[in-house]
């Protein structure tokens, strides 16, 4: 495997581990959202990895109803979180 591929695989594994830990610590909901919208990055922090979603990235706004503020996530973090929620059946 090339160095770039190894680095990408490690980043993906680390990202998955981070998302699972945040969900398991109940810092993220374990339910499916009511709405997901793609928005321009705005410098907000990702609810999964805590990294900034910069202007060159797409920000995923994940809503859970009218009474809860939406969460902002990177696409890759949203996909990891969503897959974890579906896999665990919660």
C-alpha atoms as a PDB file:
ATOM      1  CA  UNK A   1       0.000   0.000   0.000  1.00  0.00           C
ATOM      2  CA  UNK A   2       1.326   3.435  -0.834  1.00  0.00           C
ATOM      3  CA  UNK A   3       2.004   5.984   1.876  1.00  0.00           C
ATOM      4  CA  UNK A   4      -0.977   8.123   0.810  1.00  0.00           C
ATOM      5  CA  UNK A   5      -3.293   5.094   0.902  1.00  0.00           C
ATOM      6  CA  UNK A   6      -2.016   4.050   4.322  1.00  0.00           C
ATOM      7  CA  UNK A   7      -2.552   7.576   5.593  1.00  0.00           C
ATOM      8  CA  UNK A   8      -6.095   7.699   4.174  1.00  0.00           C
ATOM      9  CA  UNK A   9      -6.929   4.288   5.669  1.00  0.00           C
ATOM     10  CA  UNK A  10      -5.608   5.422   9.062  1.00  0.00           C
ATOM     11  CA  UNK A  11      -7.592   8.665   8.877  1.00  0.00           C
ATOM     12  CA  UNK A  12     -10.754   6.702   8.033  1.00  0.00           C
ATOM     13  CA  UNK A  13     -10.183   4.259  10.902  1.00  0.00           C
ATOM     14  CA  UNK A  14      -9.409   7.067  13.353  1.00  0.00           C
ATOM     15  CA  UNK A  15     -12.496   8.975  12.195  1.00  0.00           C
ATOM     16  CA  UNK A  16     -14.703   5.884  12.678  1.00  0.00           C
ATOM     17  CA  UNK A  17     -13.264   5.310  16.154  1.00  0.00           C
ATOM     18  CA  UNK A  18     -13.861   8.948  17.105  1.00  0.00           C
ATOM     19  CA  UNK A  19     -17.470   8.887  15.911  1.00  0.00           C
ATOM     20  CA  UNK A  20     -18.207   5.613  17.719  1.00  0.00           C
ATOM     21  CA  UNK A  21     -16.681   6.962  20.939  1.00  0.00           C
ATOM     22  CA  UNK A  22     -18.729  10.169  20.773  1.00  0.00           C
ATOM     23  CA  UNK A  23     -21.948   8.199  20.155  1.00  0.00           C
ATOM     24  CA  UNK A  24     -21.149   5.671  22.882  1.00  0.00           C
ATOM     25  CA  UNK A  25     -20.507   8.498  25.349  1.00  0.00           C
ATOM     26  CA  UNK A  26     -23.965   9.813  24.407  1.00  0.00           C
ATOM     27  CA  UNK A  27     -22.594  13.100  23.120  1.00  0.00           C
ATOM     28  CA  UNK A  28     -24.472  12.487  19.850  1.00  0.00           C
ATOM     29  CA  UNK A  29     -28.026  11.203  19.394  1.00  0.00           C
ATOM     30  CA  UNK A  30     -28.553   7.508  18.677  1.00  0.00           C
ATOM     31  CA  UNK A  31     -31.587   8.136  16.499  1.00  0.00           C
ATOM     32  CA  UNK A  32     -32.169   8.952  12.878  1.00  0.00           C
ATOM     33  CA  UNK A  33     -32.520  12.676  12.117  1.00  0.00           C
ATOM     34  CA  UNK A  34     -35.729  14.269  10.949  1.00  0.00           C
ATOM     35  CA  UNK A  35     -33.849  16.270   8.297  1.00  0.00           C
ATOM     36  CA  UNK A  36     -30.343  16.549   6.804  1.00  0.00           C
ATOM     37  CA  UNK A  37     -29.346  19.560   4.738  1.00  0.00           C
ATOM     38  CA  UNK A  38     -26.126  20.289   2.863  1.00  0.00           C
ATOM     39  CA  UNK A  39     -24.827  23.806   3.461  1.00  0.00           C
ATOM     40  CA  UNK A  40     -21.688  25.797   2.780  1.00  0.00           C
ATOM     41  CA  UNK A  41     -18.994  25.467   5.415  1.00  0.00           C
ATOM     42  CA  UNK A  42     -19.027  28.379   7.814  1.00  0.00           C
ATOM     43  CA  UNK A  43     -16.231  27.787  10.306  1.00  0.00           C
ATOM     44  CA  UNK A  44     -18.450  25.953  12.767  1.00  0.00           C
ATOM     45  CA  UNK A  45     -17.195  22.864  14.609  1.00  0.00           C
ATOM     46  CA  UNK A  46     -18.201  19.360  13.616  1.00  0.00           C
ATOM     47  CA  UNK A  47     -20.313  17.662  16.304  1.00  0.00           C
ATOM     48  CA  UNK A  48     -18.441  14.395  15.663  1.00  0.00           C
ATOM     49  CA  UNK A  49     -14.759  15.246  15.395  1.00  0.00           C
ATOM     50  CA  UNK A  50     -14.723  18.805  16.828  1.00  0.00           C
ATOM     51  CA  UNK A  51     -12.697  20.032  13.843  1.00  0.00           C
ATOM     52  CA  UNK A  52     -13.661  23.210  12.030  1.00  0.00           C
ATOM     53  CA  UNK A  53     -15.801  22.856   8.905  1.00  0.00           C
ATOM     54  CA  UNK A  54     -14.062  25.413   6.733  1.00  0.00           C
ATOM     55  CA  UNK A  55     -15.453  27.437   3.862  1.00  0.00           C
ATOM     56  CA  UNK A  56     -14.164  24.999   1.221  1.00  0.00           C
ATOM     57  CA  UNK A  57     -16.093  22.083   2.761  1.00  0.00           C
ATOM     58  CA  UNK A  58     -19.744  21.141   2.771  1.00  0.00           C
ATOM     59  CA  UNK A  59     -21.401  21.342   6.171  1.00  0.00           C
ATOM     60  CA  UNK A  60     -24.157  18.833   6.888  1.00  0.00           C
ATOM     61  CA  UNK A  61     -26.851  20.277   9.110  1.00  0.00           C
ATOM     62  CA  UNK A  62     -28.494  17.390  10.943  1.00  0.00           C
ATOM     63  CA  UNK A  63     -31.850  18.207  12.569  1.00  0.00           C
ATOM     64  CA  UNK A  64     -33.815  16.205  15.133  1.00  0.00           C
ATOM     65  CA  UNK A  65     -36.996  18.239  15.375  1.00  0.00           C
ATOM     66  CA  UNK A  66     -38.103  21.749  16.183  1.00  0.00           C
ATOM     67  CA  UNK A  67     -37.022  21.693  19.841  1.00  0.00           C
ATOM     68  CA  UNK A  68     -33.386  20.664  19.385  1.00  0.00           C
ATOM     69  CA  UNK A  69     -30.708  22.741  17.680  1.00  0.00           C
ATOM     70  CA  UNK A  70     -29.293  21.105  14.532  1.00  0.00           C
ATOM     71  CA  UNK A  71     -25.846  19.523  14.598  1.00  0.00           C
ATOM     72  CA  UNK A  72     -23.168  20.412  12.058  1.00  0.00           C
ATOM     73  CA  UNK A  73     -21.005  17.619  10.631  1.00  0.00           C
ATOM     74  CA  UNK A  74     -18.463  16.940   7.904  1.00  0.00           C
ATOM     75  CA  UNK A  75     -19.782  14.585   5.225  1.00  0.00           C
ATOM     76  CA  UNK A  76     -17.436  11.772   6.256  1.00  0.00           C
ATOM     77  CA  UNK A  77     -18.348  12.187   9.940  1.00  0.00           C
ATOM     78  CA  UNK A  78     -22.057  12.227   9.099  1.00  0.00           C
ATOM     79  CA  UNK A  79     -21.687   9.017   7.082  1.00  0.00           C
ATOM     80  CA  UNK A  80     -19.799   7.294   9.918  1.00  0.00           C
ATOM     81  CA  UNK A  81     -22.334   8.469  12.505  1.00  0.00           C
ATOM     82  CA  UNK A  82     -25.309   7.460  10.340  1.00  0.00           C
ATOM     83  CA  UNK A  83     -23.858   4.009   9.631  1.00  0.00           C
ATOM     84  CA  UNK A  84     -23.188   3.486  13.358  1.00  0.00           C
ATOM     85  CA  UNK A  85     -26.760   4.464  14.279  1.00  0.00           C
ATOM     86  CA  UNK A  86     -28.222   2.155  11.603  1.00  0.00           C
ATOM     87  CA  UNK A  87     -25.877  -0.716  12.539  1.00  0.00           C
ATOM     88  CA  UNK A  88     -26.670  -0.532  16.244  1.00  0.00           C
ATOM     89  CA  UNK A  89     -30.394  -0.198  15.544  1.00  0.00           C
ATOM     90  CA  UNK A  90     -30.808   2.893  17.661  1.00  0.00           C
END
